PDB file of N, CA and C in Angstrom:
ATOM      1  N   MET A   1    -199.035  44.116-140.711  1.00  0.00           N
ATOM      2  CA  MET A   1    -200.008  45.192-140.759  1.00  0.00           C
ATOM      3  C   MET A   1    -201.294  44.720-141.432  1.00  0.00           C
ATOM      4  N   GLY A   2    -201.198  43.873-142.462  1.00  0.00           N
ATOM      5  CA  GLY A   2    -202.377  43.397-143.165  1.00  0.00           C
ATOM      6  C   GLY A   2    -203.345  42.677-142.251  1.00  0.00           C
ATOM      7  N   LEU A   3    -202.845  41.795-141.390  1.00  0.00           N
ATOM      8  CA  LEU A   3    -203.699  41.061-140.460  1.00  0.00           C
ATOM      9  C   LEU A   3    -204.359  42.015-139.473  1.00  0.00           C
ATOM     10  N   VAL A   4    -203.611  42.977-138.949  1.00  0.00           N
ATOM     11  CA  VAL A   4    -204.171  43.950-138.014  1.00  0.00           C
ATOM     12  C   VAL A   4    -205.241  44.773-138.717  1.00  0.00           C
ATOM     13  N   MET A   5    -204.965  45.229-139.939  1.00  0.00           N
ATOM     14  CA  MET A   5    -205.935  46.029-140.670  1.00  0.00           C
ATOM     15  C   MET A   5    -207.217  45.237-140.904  1.00  0.00           C
ATOM     16  N   ASN A   6    -207.098  43.993-141.341  1.00  0.00           N
ATOM     17  CA  ASN A   6    -208.283  43.183-141.595  1.00  0.00           C
ATOM     18  C   ASN A   6    -209.085  42.973-140.318  1.00  0.00           C
ATOM     19  N   LYS A   7    -208.399  42.737-139.208  1.00  0.00           N
ATOM     20  CA  LYS A   7    -209.088  42.537-137.934  1.00  0.00           C
ATOM     21  C   LYS A   7    -209.782  43.834-137.497  1.00  0.00           C
ATOM     22  N   MET A   8    -209.087  44.973-137.599  1.00  0.00           N
ATOM     23  CA  MET A   8    -209.676  46.250-137.201  1.00  0.00           C
ATOM     24  C   MET A   8    -210.835  46.633-138.111  1.00  0.00           C
ATOM     25  N   ALA A   9    -210.736  46.342-139.386  1.00  0.00           N
ATOM     26  CA  ALA A   9    -211.765  46.739-140.343  1.00  0.00           C
ATOM     27  C   ALA A   9    -213.097  46.035-140.084  1.00  0.00           C
ATOM     28  N   LYS A  10    -213.090  44.987-139.294  1.00  0.00           N
ATOM     29  CA  LYS A  10    -214.330  44.265-138.976  1.00  0.00           C
ATOM     30  C   LYS A  10    -215.134  44.951-137.880  1.00  0.00           C
ATOM     31  N   ASN A  11    -214.526  45.889-137.168  1.00  0.00           N
ATOM     32  CA  ASN A  11    -215.242  46.624-136.130  1.00  0.00           C
ATOM     33  C   ASN A  11    -216.135  47.677-136.770  1.00  0.00           C
ATOM     34  N   LYS A  12    -217.055  48.194-135.972  1.00  0.00           N
ATOM     35  CA  LYS A  12    -217.967  49.211-136.476  1.00  0.00           C
ATOM     36  C   LYS A  12    -217.502  50.622-136.119  1.00  0.00           C
ATOM     37  N   PHE A  13    -216.812  50.752-134.996  1.00  0.00           N
ATOM     38  CA  PHE A  13    -216.335  52.052-134.511  1.00  0.00           C
ATOM     39  C   PHE A  13    -214.873  51.948-134.101  1.00  0.00           C
ATOM     40  N   TYR A  14    -214.179  53.103-134.170  1.00  0.00           N
ATOM     41  CA  TYR A  14    -212.750  53.139-133.880  1.00  0.00           C
ATOM     42  C   TYR A  14    -212.424  54.398-133.083  1.00  0.00           C
ATOM     43  N   ALA A  15    -211.597  54.232-132.072  1.00  0.00           N
ATOM     44  CA  ALA A  15    -211.060  55.368-131.332  1.00  0.00           C
ATOM     45  C   ALA A  15    -209.628  55.572-131.796  1.00  0.00           C
ATOM     46  N   VAL A  16    -209.268  56.818-132.006  1.00  0.00           N
ATOM     47  CA  VAL A  16    -207.889  57.191-132.302  1.00  0.00           C
ATOM     48  C   VAL A  16    -207.500  58.196-131.231  1.00  0.00           C
ATOM     49  N   PHE A  17    -206.361  57.970-130.605  1.00  0.00           N
ATOM     50  CA  PHE A  17    -205.936  58.902-129.572  1.00  0.00           C
ATOM     51  C   PHE A  17    -204.423  58.936-129.487  1.00  0.00           C
ATOM     52  N   GLY A  18    -203.936  60.074-129.048  1.00  0.00           N
ATOM     53  CA  GLY A  18    -202.513  60.284-128.854  1.00  0.00           C
ATOM     54  C   GLY A  18    -202.324  61.369-127.813  1.00  0.00           C
ATOM     55  N   SER A  19    -201.119  61.882-127.701  1.00  0.00           N
ATOM     56  CA  SER A  19    -200.849  62.899-126.697  1.00  0.00           C
ATOM     57  C   SER A  19    -201.389  64.272-127.089  1.00  0.00           C
ATOM     58  N   ASN A  20    -201.756  64.448-128.355  1.00  0.00           N
ATOM     59  CA  ASN A  20    -202.226  65.755-128.822  1.00  0.00           C
ATOM     60  C   ASN A  20    -203.592  65.725-129.508  1.00  0.00           C
ATOM     61  N   ALA A  21    -204.220  64.545-129.592  1.00  0.00           N
ATOM     62  CA  ALA A  21    -205.452  64.453-130.376  1.00  0.00           C
ATOM     63  C   ALA A  21    -206.275  63.232-129.980  1.00  0.00           C
ATOM     64  N   VAL A  22    -207.586  63.313-130.303  1.00  0.00           N
ATOM     65  CA  VAL A  22    -208.501  62.201-130.029  1.00  0.00           C
ATOM     66  C   VAL A  22    -209.659  62.276-131.025  1.00  0.00           C
ATOM     67  N   GLY A  23    -210.169  61.112-131.401  1.00  0.00           N
ATOM     68  CA  GLY A  23    -211.299  61.098-132.310  1.00  0.00           C
ATOM     69  C   GLY A  23    -212.043  59.776-132.284  1.00  0.00           C
ATOM     70  N   VAL A  24    -213.279  59.807-132.772  1.00  0.00           N
ATOM     71  CA  VAL A  24    -214.129  58.631-132.893  1.00  0.00           C
ATOM     72  C   VAL A  24    -214.532  58.521-134.368  1.00  0.00           C
ATOM     73  N   PHE A  25    -214.399  57.314-134.903  1.00  0.00           N
ATOM     74  CA  PHE A  25    -214.617  57.093-136.331  1.00  0.00           C
ATOM     75  C   PHE A  25    -215.539  55.902-136.551  1.00  0.00           C
ATOM     76  N   ASN A  26    -216.242  55.904-137.683  1.00  0.00           N
ATOM     77  CA  ASN A  26    -217.001  54.729-138.093  1.00  0.00           C
ATOM     78  C   ASN A  26    -216.498  54.226-139.451  1.00  0.00           C
ATOM     79  N   ASN A  27    -215.267  54.641-139.795  1.00  0.00           N
ATOM     80  CA  ASN A  27    -214.639  54.263-141.048  1.00  0.00           C
ATOM     81  C   ASN A  27    -213.175  53.946-140.760  1.00  0.00           C
ATOM     82  N   TRP A  28    -212.786  52.682-140.956  1.00  0.00           N
ATOM     83  CA  TRP A  28    -211.434  52.255-140.614  1.00  0.00           C
ATOM     84  C   TRP A  28    -210.369  53.025-141.396  1.00  0.00           C
ATOM     85  N   GLU A  29    -210.577  53.235-142.679  1.00  0.00           N
ATOM     86  CA  GLU A  29    -209.576  53.927-143.486  1.00  0.00           C
ATOM     87  C   GLU A  29    -209.331  55.343-142.966  1.00  0.00           C
ATOM     88  N   ARG A  30    -210.389  56.034-142.590  1.00  0.00           N
ATOM     89  CA  ARG A  30    -210.227  57.400-142.051  1.00  0.00           C
ATOM     90  C   ARG A  30    -209.551  57.379-140.688  1.00  0.00           C
ATOM     91  N   ALA A  31    -209.887  56.384-139.879  1.00  0.00           N
ATOM     92  CA  ALA A  31    -209.237  56.257-138.569  1.00  0.00           C
ATOM     93  C   ALA A  31    -207.743  56.004-138.743  1.00  0.00           C
ATOM     94  N   GLU A  32    -207.412  55.072-139.628  1.00  0.00           N
ATOM     95  CA  GLU A  32    -206.009  54.740-139.867  1.00  0.00           C
ATOM     96  C   GLU A  32    -205.238  55.945-140.420  1.00  0.00           C
ATOM     97  N   GLU A  33    -205.852  56.668-141.336  1.00  0.00           N
ATOM     98  CA  GLU A  33    -205.227  57.865-141.916  1.00  0.00           C
ATOM     99  C   GLU A  33    -204.964  58.934-140.857  1.00  0.00           C
ATOM    100  N   SER A  34    -205.884  59.086-139.901  1.00  0.00           N
ATOM    101  CA  SER A  34    -205.746  60.137-138.886  1.00  0.00           C
ATOM    102  C   SER A  34    -204.605  59.872-137.910  1.00  0.00           C
ATOM    103  N   LEU A  35    -204.139  58.638-137.853  1.00  0.00           N
ATOM    104  CA  LEU A  35    -203.043  58.303-136.933  1.00  0.00           C
ATOM    105  C   LEU A  35    -201.801  59.154-137.166  1.00  0.00           C
ATOM    106  N   ARG A  36    -201.577  59.567-138.393  1.00  0.00           N
ATOM    107  CA  ARG A  36    -200.363  60.349-138.668  1.00  0.00           C
ATOM    108  C   ARG A  36    -200.391  61.715-138.001  1.00  0.00           C
ATOM    109  N   TRP A  37    -201.564  62.175-137.591  1.00  0.00           N
ATOM    110  CA  TRP A  37    -201.693  63.478-136.933  1.00  0.00           C
ATOM    111  C   TRP A  37    -201.710  63.371-135.413  1.00  0.00           C
ATOM    112  N   ALA A  38    -201.768  62.157-134.897  1.00  0.00           N
ATOM    113  CA  ALA A  38    -201.831  61.938-133.443  1.00  0.00           C
ATOM    114  C   ALA A  38    -200.452  61.509-132.942  1.00  0.00           C
ATOM    115  N   ASP A  39    -199.793  62.378-132.175  1.00  0.00           N
ATOM    116  CA  ASP A  39    -198.492  62.038-131.606  1.00  0.00           C
ATOM    117  C   ASP A  39    -198.642  60.839-130.670  1.00  0.00           C
ATOM    118  N   LYS A  40    -197.762  59.864-130.851  1.00  0.00           N
ATOM    119  CA  LYS A  40    -197.827  58.618-130.072  1.00  0.00           C
ATOM    120  C   LYS A  40    -199.205  57.979-130.210  1.00  0.00           C
ATOM    121  N   GLY A  41    -199.771  58.059-131.405  1.00  0.00           N
ATOM    122  CA  GLY A  41    -201.142  57.630-131.648  1.00  0.00           C
ATOM    123  C   GLY A  41    -201.339  56.131-131.697  1.00  0.00           C
ATOM    124  N   THR A  42    -202.538  55.735-131.339  1.00  0.00           N
ATOM    125  CA  THR A  42    -202.949  54.337-131.415  1.00  0.00           C
ATOM    126  C   THR A  42    -204.443  54.293-131.728  1.00  0.00           C
ATOM    127  N   THR A  43    -204.911  53.111-132.099  1.00  0.00           N
ATOM    128  CA  THR A  43    -206.334  52.931-132.372  1.00  0.00           C
ATOM    129  C   THR A  43    -206.884  51.782-131.538  1.00  0.00           C
ATOM    130  N   LYS A  44    -208.177  51.812-131.383  1.00  0.00           N
ATOM    131  CA  LYS A  44    -208.894  50.728-130.725  1.00  0.00           C
ATOM    132  C   LYS A  44    -210.215  50.578-131.464  1.00  0.00           C
ATOM    133  N   GLY A  45    -210.657  49.359-131.679  1.00  0.00           N
ATOM    134  CA  GLY A  45    -211.904  49.122-132.388  1.00  0.00           C
ATOM    135  C   GLY A  45    -212.910  48.374-131.537  1.00  0.00           C
ATOM    136  N   SER A  46    -214.193  48.576-131.851  1.00  0.00           N
ATOM    137  CA  SER A  46    -215.268  47.887-131.137  1.00  0.00           C
ATOM    138  C   SER A  46    -216.533  47.952-131.979  1.00  0.00           C
ATOM    139  N   LYS A  47    -217.439  47.069-131.697  1.00  0.00           N
ATOM    140  CA  LYS A  47    -218.748  47.113-132.339  1.00  0.00           C
ATOM    141  C   LYS A  47    -219.683  48.085-131.607  1.00  0.00           C
ATOM    142  N   SER A  48    -219.272  48.544-130.432  1.00  0.00           N
ATOM    143  CA  SER A  48    -220.107  49.411-129.597  1.00  0.00           C
ATOM    144  C   SER A  48    -219.613  50.859-129.621  1.00  0.00           C
ATOM    145  N   TYR A  49    -220.504  51.777-129.973  1.00  0.00           N
ATOM    146  CA  TYR A  49    -220.169  53.198-129.976  1.00  0.00           C
ATOM    147  C   TYR A  49    -219.802  53.664-128.562  1.00  0.00           C
ATOM    148  N   LEU A  50    -220.577  53.282-127.572  1.00  0.00           N
ATOM    149  CA  LEU A  50    -220.297  53.729-126.204  1.00  0.00           C
ATOM    150  C   LEU A  50    -218.948  53.229-125.709  1.00  0.00           C
ATOM    151  N   ASP A  51    -218.593  51.988-126.058  1.00  0.00           N
ATOM    152  CA  ASP A  51    -217.275  51.460-125.676  1.00  0.00           C
ATOM    153  C   ASP A  51    -216.154  52.256-126.330  1.00  0.00           C
ATOM    154  N   ILE A  52    -216.354  52.668-127.571  1.00  0.00           N
ATOM    155  CA  ILE A  52    -215.324  53.416-128.280  1.00  0.00           C
ATOM    156  C   ILE A  52    -215.168  54.820-127.719  1.00  0.00           C
ATOM    157  N   VAL A  53    -216.272  55.455-127.372  1.00  0.00           N
ATOM    158  CA  VAL A  53    -216.179  56.780-126.752  1.00  0.00           C
ATOM    159  C   VAL A  53    -215.408  56.668-125.439  1.00  0.00           C
ATOM    160  N   GLU A  54    -215.721  55.656-124.655  1.00  0.00           N
ATOM    161  CA  GLU A  54    -214.995  55.438-123.394  1.00  0.00           C
ATOM    162  C   GLU A  54    -213.513  55.184-123.653  1.00  0.00           C
ATOM    163  N   ALA A  55    -213.200  54.387-124.658  1.00  0.00           N
ATOM    164  CA  ALA A  55    -211.796  54.109-125.007  1.00  0.00           C
ATOM    165  C   ALA A  55    -211.084  55.383-125.448  1.00  0.00           C
ATOM    166  N   ALA A  56    -211.776  56.231-126.210  1.00  0.00           N
ATOM    167  CA  ALA A  56    -211.190  57.495-126.661  1.00  0.00           C
ATOM    168  C   ALA A  56    -210.904  58.406-125.470  1.00  0.00           C
ATOM    169  N   ILE A  57    -211.859  58.518-124.564  1.00  0.00           N
ATOM    170  CA  ILE A  57    -211.698  59.366-123.374  1.00  0.00           C
ATOM    171  C   ILE A  57    -210.518  58.888-122.528  1.00  0.00           C
ATOM    172  N   GLU A  58    -210.486  57.593-122.231  1.00  0.00           N
ATOM    173  CA  GLU A  58    -209.418  57.040-121.399  1.00  0.00           C
ATOM    174  C   GLU A  58    -208.061  57.076-122.107  1.00  0.00           C
ATOM    175  N   GLY A  59    -208.052  56.736-123.397  1.00  0.00           N
ATOM    176  CA  GLY A  59    -206.798  56.738-124.146  1.00  0.00           C
ATOM    177  C   GLY A  59    -206.183  58.119-124.229  1.00  0.00           C
ATOM    178  N   TYR A  60    -207.015  59.122-124.496  1.00  0.00           N
ATOM    179  CA  TYR A  60    -206.512  60.498-124.569  1.00  0.00           C
ATOM    180  C   TYR A  60    -205.990  60.948-123.207  1.00  0.00           C
ATOM    181  N   LYS A  61    -206.711  60.621-122.148  1.00  0.00           N
ATOM    182  CA  LYS A  61    -206.277  61.004-120.806  1.00  0.00           C
ATOM    183  C   LYS A  61    -204.944  60.342-120.450  1.00  0.00           C
ATOM    184  N   ASP A  62    -204.810  59.059-120.786  1.00  0.00           N
ATOM    185  CA  ASP A  62    -203.567  58.342-120.505  1.00  0.00           C
ATOM    186  C   ASP A  62    -202.384  58.924-121.276  1.00  0.00           C
ATOM    187  N   ARG A  63    -202.604  59.277-122.544  1.00  0.00           N
ATOM    188  CA  ARG A  63    -201.518  59.773-123.397  1.00  0.00           C
ATOM    189  C   ARG A  63    -201.197  61.243-123.153  1.00  0.00           C
ATOM    190  N   SER A  64    -202.217  62.062-122.897  1.00  0.00           N
ATOM    191  CA  SER A  64    -201.994  63.511-122.812  1.00  0.00           C
ATOM    192  C   SER A  64    -201.935  64.028-121.380  1.00  0.00           C
ATOM    193  N   GLY A  65    -202.502  63.255-120.443  1.00  0.00           N
ATOM    194  CA  GLY A  65    -202.598  63.734-119.070  1.00  0.00           C
ATOM    195  C   GLY A  65    -203.743  64.716-118.881  1.00  0.00           C
ATOM    196  N   GLN A  66    -204.558  64.906-119.923  1.00  0.00           N
ATOM    197  CA  GLN A  66    -205.672  65.852-119.860  1.00  0.00           C
ATOM    198  C   GLN A  66    -206.991  65.108-120.012  1.00  0.00           C
ATOM    199  N   SER A  67    -208.018  65.678-119.425  1.00  0.00           N
ATOM    200  CA  SER A  67    -209.337  65.061-119.472  1.00  0.00           C
ATOM    201  C   SER A  67    -210.192  65.736-120.546  1.00  0.00           C
ATOM    202  N   TYR A  68    -210.880  64.930-121.336  1.00  0.00           N
ATOM    203  CA  TYR A  68    -211.856  65.421-122.308  1.00  0.00           C
ATOM    204  C   TYR A  68    -212.974  64.397-122.382  1.00  0.00           C
ATOM    205  N   LYS A  69    -214.203  64.845-122.152  1.00  0.00           N
ATOM    206  CA  LYS A  69    -215.359  63.947-122.110  1.00  0.00           C
ATOM    207  C   LYS A  69    -216.220  64.011-123.361  1.00  0.00           C
ATOM    208  N   GLY A  70    -215.915  64.897-124.281  1.00  0.00           N
ATOM    209  CA  GLY A  70    -216.713  65.036-125.484  1.00  0.00           C
ATOM    210  C   GLY A  70    -217.245  66.439-125.594  1.00  0.00           C
ATOM    211  N   PRO A  71    -217.939  66.698-126.672  1.00  0.00           N
ATOM    212  CA  PRO A  71    -218.511  65.805-127.673  1.00  0.00           C
ATOM    213  C   PRO A  71    -217.487  65.376-128.727  1.00  0.00           C
ATOM    214  N   PHE A  72    -217.865  64.328-129.463  1.00  0.00           N
ATOM    215  CA  PHE A  72    -217.022  63.778-130.515  1.00  0.00           C
ATOM    216  C   PHE A  72    -217.756  63.807-131.850  1.00  0.00           C
ATOM    217  N   PRO A  73    -217.347  64.689-132.761  1.00  0.00           N
ATOM    218  CA  PRO A  73    -217.925  64.603-134.098  1.00  0.00           C
ATOM    219  C   PRO A  73    -217.388  63.342-134.776  1.00  0.00           C
ATOM    220  N   MET A  74    -218.216  62.677-135.549  1.00  0.00           N
ATOM    221  CA  MET A  74    -217.813  61.423-136.185  1.00  0.00           C
ATOM    222  C   MET A  74    -216.811  61.684-137.306  1.00  0.00           C
ATOM    223  N   ASN A  75    -215.770  60.846-137.339  1.00  0.00           N
ATOM    224  CA  ASN A  75    -214.760  60.851-138.401  1.00  0.00           C
ATOM    225  C   ASN A  75    -213.958  62.143-138.471  1.00  0.00           C
ATOM    226  N   PHE A  76    -213.647  62.693-137.303  1.00  0.00           N
ATOM    227  CA  PHE A  76    -212.836  63.910-137.240  1.00  0.00           C
ATOM    228  C   PHE A  76    -211.894  63.787-136.057  1.00  0.00           C
ATOM    229  N   LEU A  77    -210.605  63.995-136.301  1.00  0.00           N
ATOM    230  CA  LEU A  77    -209.610  63.944-135.231  1.00  0.00           C
ATOM    231  C   LEU A  77    -209.522  65.312-134.576  1.00  0.00           C
ATOM    232  N   LEU A  78    -209.860  65.374-133.308  1.00  0.00           N
ATOM    233  CA  LEU A  78    -209.812  66.622-132.553  1.00  0.00           C
ATOM    234  C   LEU A  78    -208.398  66.863-132.054  1.00  0.00           C
ATOM    235  N   ARG A  79    -207.860  68.009-132.386  1.00  0.00           N
ATOM    236  CA  ARG A  79    -206.554  68.401-131.868  1.00  0.00           C
ATOM    237  C   ARG A  79    -206.783  69.285-130.639  1.00  0.00           C
ATOM    238  N   LYS A  80    -205.717  69.585-129.898  1.00  0.00           N
ATOM    239  CA  LYS A  80    -205.868  70.297-128.631  1.00  0.00           C
ATOM    240  C   LYS A  80    -206.649  71.598-128.749  1.00  0.00           C
ATOM    241  N   GLU A  81    -206.423  72.364-129.834  1.00  0.00           N
ATOM    242  CA  GLU A  81    -207.158  73.628-129.979  1.00  0.00           C
ATOM    243  C   GLU A  81    -208.650  73.377-130.190  1.00  0.00           C
ATOM    244  N   ASN A  82    -209.006  72.271-130.874  1.00  0.00           N
ATOM    245  CA  ASN A  82    -210.418  71.905-131.049  1.00  0.00           C
ATOM    246  C   ASN A  82    -211.023  71.488-129.712  1.00  0.00           C
ATOM    247  N   ILE A  83    -210.277  70.714-128.956  1.00  0.00           N
ATOM    248  CA  ILE A  83    -210.748  70.212-127.669  1.00  0.00           C
ATOM    249  C   ILE A  83    -211.052  71.366-126.720  1.00  0.00           C
ATOM    250  N   LYS A  84    -210.158  72.339-126.673  1.00  0.00           N
ATOM    251  CA  LYS A  84    -210.374  73.509-125.814  1.00  0.00           C
ATOM    252  C   LYS A  84    -211.660  74.230-126.216  1.00  0.00           C
ATOM    253  N   PHE A  85    -211.833  74.476-127.519  1.00  0.00           N
ATOM    254  CA  PHE A  85    -213.022  75.169-128.008  1.00  0.00           C
ATOM    255  C   PHE A  85    -214.297  74.381-127.676  1.00  0.00           C
ATOM    256  N   LEU A  86    -214.303  73.088-127.975  1.00  0.00           N
ATOM    257  CA  LEU A  86    -215.494  72.271-127.732  1.00  0.00           C
ATOM    258  C   LEU A  86    -215.836  72.204-126.253  1.00  0.00           C
ATOM    259  N   SER A  87    -214.821  72.102-125.407  1.00  0.00           N
ATOM    260  CA  SER A  87    -215.055  72.057-123.956  1.00  0.00           C
ATOM    261  C   SER A  87    -215.712  73.337-123.450  1.00  0.00           C
ATOM    262  N   GLU A  88    -215.390  74.457-124.084  1.00  0.00           N
ATOM    263  CA  GLU A  88    -215.926  75.746-123.654  1.00  0.00           C
ATOM    264  C   GLU A  88    -217.313  76.049-124.224  1.00  0.00           C
ATOM    265  N   HIS A  89    -217.674  75.429-125.365  1.00  0.00           N
ATOM    266  CA  HIS A  89    -218.894  75.824-126.064  1.00  0.00           C
ATOM    267  C   HIS A  89    -219.970  74.737-126.189  1.00  0.00           C
ATOM    268  N   PHE A  90    -219.650  73.511-125.829  1.00  0.00           N
ATOM    269  CA  PHE A  90    -220.610  72.411-125.978  1.00  0.00           C
ATOM    270  C   PHE A  90    -220.619  71.549-124.720  1.00  0.00           C
ATOM    271  N   ASN A  91    -221.701  70.793-124.551  1.00  0.00           N
ATOM    272  CA  ASN A  91    -221.787  69.794-123.487  1.00  0.00           C
ATOM    273  C   ASN A  91    -221.241  68.470-124.000  1.00  0.00           C
ATOM    274  N   PRO A  92    -220.723  67.615-123.124  1.00  0.00           N
ATOM    275  CA  PRO A  92    -220.122  66.354-123.577  1.00  0.00           C
ATOM    276  C   PRO A  92    -221.043  65.471-124.410  1.00  0.00           C
ATOM    277  N   ASP A  93    -222.345  65.476-124.140  1.00  0.00           N
ATOM    278  CA  ASP A  93    -223.236  64.595-124.904  1.00  0.00           C
ATOM    279  C   ASP A  93    -223.966  65.303-126.043  1.00  0.00           C
ATOM    280  N   ASP A  94    -223.552  66.527-126.376  1.00  0.00           N
ATOM    281  CA  ASP A  94    -224.114  67.187-127.553  1.00  0.00           C
ATOM    282  C   ASP A  94    -223.740  66.401-128.805  1.00  0.00           C
ATOM    283  N   LYS A  95    -224.641  66.366-129.750  1.00  0.00           N
ATOM    284  CA  LYS A  95    -224.377  65.762-131.061  1.00  0.00           C
ATOM    285  C   LYS A  95    -223.919  66.886-131.980  1.00  0.00           C
ATOM    286  N   ILE A  96    -222.697  66.787-132.449  1.00  0.00           N
ATOM    287  CA  ILE A  96    -222.157  67.855-133.287  1.00  0.00           C
ATOM    288  C   ILE A  96    -221.632  67.288-134.601  1.00  0.00           C
ATOM    289  N   LYS A  97    -221.485  68.184-135.565  1.00  0.00           N
ATOM    290  CA  LYS A  97    -220.895  67.810-136.844  1.00  0.00           C
ATOM    291  C   LYS A  97    -219.886  68.885-137.225  1.00  0.00           C
ATOM    292  N   VAL A  98    -219.077  68.558-138.211  1.00  0.00           N
ATOM    293  CA  VAL A  98    -218.059  69.481-138.682  1.00  0.00           C
ATOM    294  C   VAL A  98    -218.463  69.979-140.064  1.00  0.00           C
ATOM    295  N   GLU A  99    -218.459  71.277-140.212  1.00  0.00           N
ATOM    296  CA  GLU A  99    -218.646  71.908-141.512  1.00  0.00           C
ATOM    297  C   GLU A  99    -217.387  72.723-141.771  1.00  0.00           C
ATOM    298  N   TYR A 100    -217.074  72.924-143.028  1.00  0.00           N
ATOM    299  CA  TYR A 100    -215.871  73.684-143.368  1.00  0.00           C
ATOM    300  C   TYR A 100    -216.258  75.019-143.976  1.00  0.00           C
ATOM    301  N   LYS A 101    -215.651  76.073-143.443  1.00  0.00           N
ATOM    302  CA  LYS A 101    -215.831  77.423-143.979  1.00  0.00           C
ATOM    303  C   LYS A 101    -214.445  78.014-144.183  1.00  0.00           C
ATOM    304  N   ASN A 102    -214.193  78.448-145.397  1.00  0.00           N
ATOM    305  CA  ASN A 102    -212.876  78.983-145.753  1.00  0.00           C
ATOM    306  C   ASN A 102    -211.759  78.001-145.423  1.00  0.00           C
ATOM    307  N   GLY A 103    -212.043  76.711-145.604  1.00  0.00           N
ATOM    308  CA  GLY A 103    -211.036  75.675-145.388  1.00  0.00           C
ATOM    309  C   GLY A 103    -210.767  75.325-143.937  1.00  0.00           C
ATOM    310  N   LYS A 104    -211.537  75.887-143.019  1.00  0.00           N
ATOM    311  CA  LYS A 104    -211.325  75.614-141.592  1.00  0.00           C
ATOM    312  C   LYS A 104    -212.547  74.914-141.012  1.00  0.00           C
ATOM    313  N   PRO A 105    -212.321  73.994-140.068  1.00  0.00           N
ATOM    314  CA  PRO A 105    -213.461  73.297-139.466  1.00  0.00           C
ATOM    315  C   PRO A 105    -214.280  74.215-138.558  1.00  0.00           C
ATOM    316  N   VAL A 106    -215.591  74.079-138.669  1.00  0.00           N
ATOM    317  CA  VAL A 106    -216.527  74.792-137.807  1.00  0.00           C
ATOM    318  C   VAL A 106    -217.433  73.730-137.197  1.00  0.00           C
ATOM    319  N   PHE A 107    -217.585  73.757-135.893  1.00  0.00           N
ATOM    320  CA  PHE A 107    -218.382  72.768-135.190  1.00  0.00           C
ATOM    321  C   PHE A 107    -219.776  73.315-134.952  1.00  0.00           C
ATOM    322  N   VAL A 108    -220.783  72.546-135.332  1.00  0.00           N
ATOM    323  CA  VAL A 108    -222.168  72.957-135.165  1.00  0.00           C
ATOM    324  C   VAL A 108    -222.971  71.811-134.552  1.00  0.00           C
ATOM    325  N   LYS A 109    -223.972  72.195-133.773  1.00  0.00           N
ATOM    326  CA  LYS A 109    -224.869  71.203-133.184  1.00  0.00           C
ATOM    327  C   LYS A 109    -225.728  70.585-134.283  1.00  0.00           C
ATOM    328  N   LYS A 110    -225.891  69.275-134.225  1.00  0.00           N
ATOM    329  CA  LYS A 110    -226.755  68.599-135.184  1.00  0.00           C
ATOM    330  C   LYS A 110    -228.207  68.841-134.813  1.00  0.00           C
ATOM    331  N   ASP A 111    -229.056  68.990-135.839  1.00  0.00           N
ATOM    332  CA  ASP A 111    -230.493  69.059-135.604  1.00  0.00           C
ATOM    333  C   ASP A 111    -230.961  67.697-135.149  1.00  0.00           C
ATOM    334  N   GLU A 112    -231.802  67.655-134.155  1.00  0.00           N
ATOM    335  CA  GLU A 112    -232.285  66.377-133.637  1.00  0.00           C
ATOM    336  C   GLU A 112    -233.741  66.147-134.009  1.00  0.00           C
ATOM    337  N   THR A 113    -234.162  66.743-135.088  1.00  0.00           N
ATOM    338  CA  THR A 113    -235.552  66.567-135.527  1.00  0.00           C
ATOM    339  C   THR A 113    -235.682  65.398-136.443  1.00  0.00           C
TER     340      THR A 113
END
């Protein structure tokens, strides 16, 4: 595990995906931690954000049988209920962030100014 961790930690972005969840991360420790919430979860690393988004999309589709194109808030593992909500309320290329209200995640569009 140490060799794999050291190799993965050298990447800039990480995809985490499983049969029930998907996420894009720019922090290896957070990506690795999120694996425990992804059924049949795995990670993939890359120096390219676009490559990682593609890996997340394909990995989630392969594991879950469902399609999700985004958006992906950084460093947050999306579970199926999040994916359904985001698909209904945002466009795939929207830039979003997660804020917490009453201990629950709330997804908001990032200001692009």
